[in-house]
């Protein structure tokens, strides 16, 4: 079977809405989890919302 690449989890900065790619964390079973960045590269904000929750976060 062909390898299927994982989708990168994305995080949105709560302060400036810049999107960041999560940092892949390798799991023992060969999969990945995704960690948000420690700070936003644009505004240095430290609060992030996962992309899939961003719309509900701003209602």
N, C-alpha and C. Protein backbone atom coordinates (compact mmCIF):
# COMPACT_ATOMS: atom_id res chain seq x y z
N UNK A 1 0.85 -1.17 0.00
CA UNK A 1 0.00 0.00 0.00
C UNK A 1 0.90 1.24 0.00
N UNK A 2 0.50 2.25 -0.72
CA UNK A 2 1.28 3.49 -0.80
C UNK A 2 1.18 4.28 0.50
N UNK A 3 2.23 5.01 0.77
CA UNK A 3 2.25 5.87 1.94
C UNK A 3 1.30 7.05 1.73
N UNK A 4 0.49 7.34 2.74
CA UNK A 4 -0.42 8.48 2.68
C UNK A 4 0.11 9.52 3.66
N UNK A 5 0.51 10.68 3.18
CA UNK A 5 1.06 11.69 4.10
C UNK A 5 -0.01 12.21 5.06
N UNK A 6 0.41 12.52 6.26
CA UNK A 6 -0.50 13.10 7.24
C UNK A 6 -0.72 14.57 6.94
N UNK A 7 -1.88 15.07 7.28
CA UNK A 7 -2.14 16.51 7.17
C UNK A 7 -1.55 17.21 8.38
N UNK A 8 -0.91 18.33 8.14
CA UNK A 8 -0.33 19.12 9.22
C UNK A 8 -1.44 19.83 9.96
N UNK A 9 -1.44 19.76 11.28
CA UNK A 9 -2.42 20.49 12.07
C UNK A 9 -1.98 21.95 12.11
N UNK A 10 -2.93 22.84 11.92
CA UNK A 10 -2.63 24.27 11.91
C UNK A 10 -3.26 24.95 13.12
N UNK A 11 -2.60 26.01 13.57
CA UNK A 11 -3.06 26.79 14.72
C UNK A 11 -3.14 28.26 14.33
N UNK A 12 -4.16 28.96 14.82
CA UNK A 12 -4.36 30.37 14.52
C UNK A 12 -4.04 31.18 15.77
N UNK A 13 -3.22 32.21 15.62
CA UNK A 13 -2.88 33.08 16.74
C UNK A 13 -4.14 33.85 17.15
N UNK A 14 -4.48 33.83 18.42
CA UNK A 14 -5.67 34.53 18.91
C UNK A 14 -5.52 36.05 18.84
N UNK A 15 -4.30 36.54 18.81
CA UNK A 15 -4.07 37.98 18.80
C UNK A 15 -4.11 38.59 17.41
N UNK A 16 -3.47 37.95 16.43
CA UNK A 16 -3.34 38.58 15.11
C UNK A 16 -3.86 37.72 13.95
N UNK A 17 -4.35 36.51 14.24
CA UNK A 17 -4.94 35.60 13.25
C UNK A 17 -3.95 35.03 12.23
N UNK A 18 -2.65 35.09 12.50
CA UNK A 18 -1.66 34.46 11.63
C UNK A 18 -1.75 32.94 11.85
N UNK A 19 -1.68 32.18 10.76
CA UNK A 19 -1.75 30.72 10.82
C UNK A 19 -0.34 30.14 10.92
N UNK A 20 -0.17 29.19 11.83
CA UNK A 20 1.11 28.52 12.04
C UNK A 20 0.93 27.02 11.86
N UNK A 21 1.91 26.36 11.27
CA UNK A 21 1.92 24.91 11.19
C UNK A 21 2.36 24.36 12.55
N UNK A 22 1.71 23.30 12.98
CA UNK A 22 2.10 22.67 14.23
C UNK A 22 3.43 21.96 14.10
N UNK A 23 4.09 21.77 15.21
CA UNK A 23 5.35 21.03 15.26
C UNK A 23 5.03 19.56 15.42
N UNK A 24 5.52 18.69 14.51
CA UNK A 24 5.21 17.27 14.64
C UNK A 24 5.96 16.63 15.81
N UNK A 25 5.23 15.88 16.59
CA UNK A 25 5.80 15.12 17.70
C UNK A 25 5.64 13.65 17.34
N UNK A 26 6.74 12.94 17.18
CA UNK A 26 6.71 11.54 16.75
C UNK A 26 6.25 10.65 17.90
N UNK A 27 5.27 9.81 17.62
CA UNK A 27 4.73 8.87 18.59
C UNK A 27 5.39 7.50 18.40
N UNK A 28 5.34 6.67 19.42
CA UNK A 28 5.97 5.34 19.37
C UNK A 28 5.37 4.45 18.28
N UNK A 29 4.10 4.65 17.94
CA UNK A 29 3.45 3.80 16.94
C UNK A 29 3.68 4.28 15.50
N UNK A 30 4.55 5.29 15.33
CA UNK A 30 4.87 5.77 13.99
C UNK A 30 4.01 6.92 13.50
N UNK A 31 3.02 7.31 14.28
CA UNK A 31 2.17 8.44 13.89
C UNK A 31 2.73 9.72 14.52
N UNK A 32 2.02 10.82 14.32
CA UNK A 32 2.44 12.10 14.87
C UNK A 32 1.29 12.75 15.64
N UNK A 33 1.64 13.53 16.61
CA UNK A 33 0.71 14.48 17.20
C UNK A 33 1.29 15.84 16.84
N UNK A 34 0.51 16.88 17.01
CA UNK A 34 0.95 18.21 16.58
C UNK A 34 0.88 19.16 17.76
N UNK A 35 1.95 19.90 17.97
CA UNK A 35 2.05 20.84 19.09
C UNK A 35 2.04 22.27 18.55
N UNK A 36 1.29 23.14 19.22
CA UNK A 36 1.26 24.55 18.79
C UNK A 36 2.61 25.20 19.09
N UNK A 37 2.95 26.27 18.38
CA UNK A 37 4.23 26.94 18.64
C UNK A 37 4.21 27.62 20.02
N UNK A 38 5.38 27.87 20.59
CA UNK A 38 5.43 28.53 21.89
C UNK A 38 5.00 30.00 21.82
N UNK A 39 5.21 30.65 20.67
CA UNK A 39 4.83 32.06 20.50
C UNK A 39 4.63 32.33 19.01
N UNK A 40 3.80 33.31 18.72
CA UNK A 40 3.53 33.71 17.34
C UNK A 40 4.76 34.41 16.76
N UNK A 41 5.12 34.06 15.55
CA UNK A 41 6.26 34.68 14.89
C UNK A 41 5.97 36.10 14.43
N UNK A 42 4.70 36.49 14.35
CA UNK A 42 4.35 37.83 13.89
C UNK A 42 4.17 38.82 15.03
N UNK A 43 3.45 38.40 16.09
CA UNK A 43 3.13 39.37 17.16
C UNK A 43 3.61 38.93 18.54
N UNK A 44 4.22 37.74 18.61
CA UNK A 44 4.71 37.15 19.85
C UNK A 44 3.60 36.75 20.83
N UNK A 45 2.34 36.69 20.33
CA UNK A 45 1.24 36.21 21.16
C UNK A 45 1.47 34.76 21.55
N UNK A 46 0.88 34.35 22.65
CA UNK A 46 1.10 33.00 23.15
C UNK A 46 -0.16 32.15 23.21
N UNK A 47 -1.28 32.67 22.70
CA UNK A 47 -2.53 31.92 22.71
C UNK A 47 -2.90 31.54 21.28
N UNK A 48 -3.19 30.24 21.08
CA UNK A 48 -3.52 29.72 19.76
C UNK A 48 -4.81 28.91 19.83
N UNK A 49 -5.50 28.87 18.71
CA UNK A 49 -6.71 28.08 18.57
C UNK A 49 -6.47 27.11 17.41
N UNK A 50 -6.78 25.82 17.59
CA UNK A 50 -6.65 24.90 16.45
C UNK A 50 -7.51 25.39 15.29
N UNK A 51 -7.01 25.26 14.07
CA UNK A 51 -7.72 25.77 12.88
C UNK A 51 -9.16 25.28 12.83
N UNK A 52 -9.40 24.01 13.15
CA UNK A 52 -10.75 23.47 13.04
C UNK A 52 -11.72 24.07 14.07
N UNK A 53 -11.22 24.76 15.08
CA UNK A 53 -12.07 25.41 16.09
C UNK A 53 -12.10 26.93 15.94
N UNK A 54 -11.34 27.47 15.02
CA UNK A 54 -11.18 28.92 14.91
C UNK A 54 -12.48 29.66 14.62
N UNK A 55 -13.31 29.15 13.70
CA UNK A 55 -14.56 29.82 13.36
C UNK A 55 -15.45 29.93 14.58
N UNK A 56 -15.62 28.87 15.32
CA UNK A 56 -16.47 28.89 16.53
C UNK A 56 -15.86 29.78 17.61
N UNK A 57 -14.55 29.88 17.64
CA UNK A 57 -13.85 30.68 18.64
C UNK A 57 -14.17 32.17 18.46
N UNK A 58 -14.41 32.63 17.21
CA UNK A 58 -14.63 34.03 16.92
C UNK A 58 -16.09 34.41 16.77
N UNK A 59 -17.02 33.53 17.14
CA UNK A 59 -18.45 33.88 17.04
C UNK A 59 -18.86 34.81 18.13
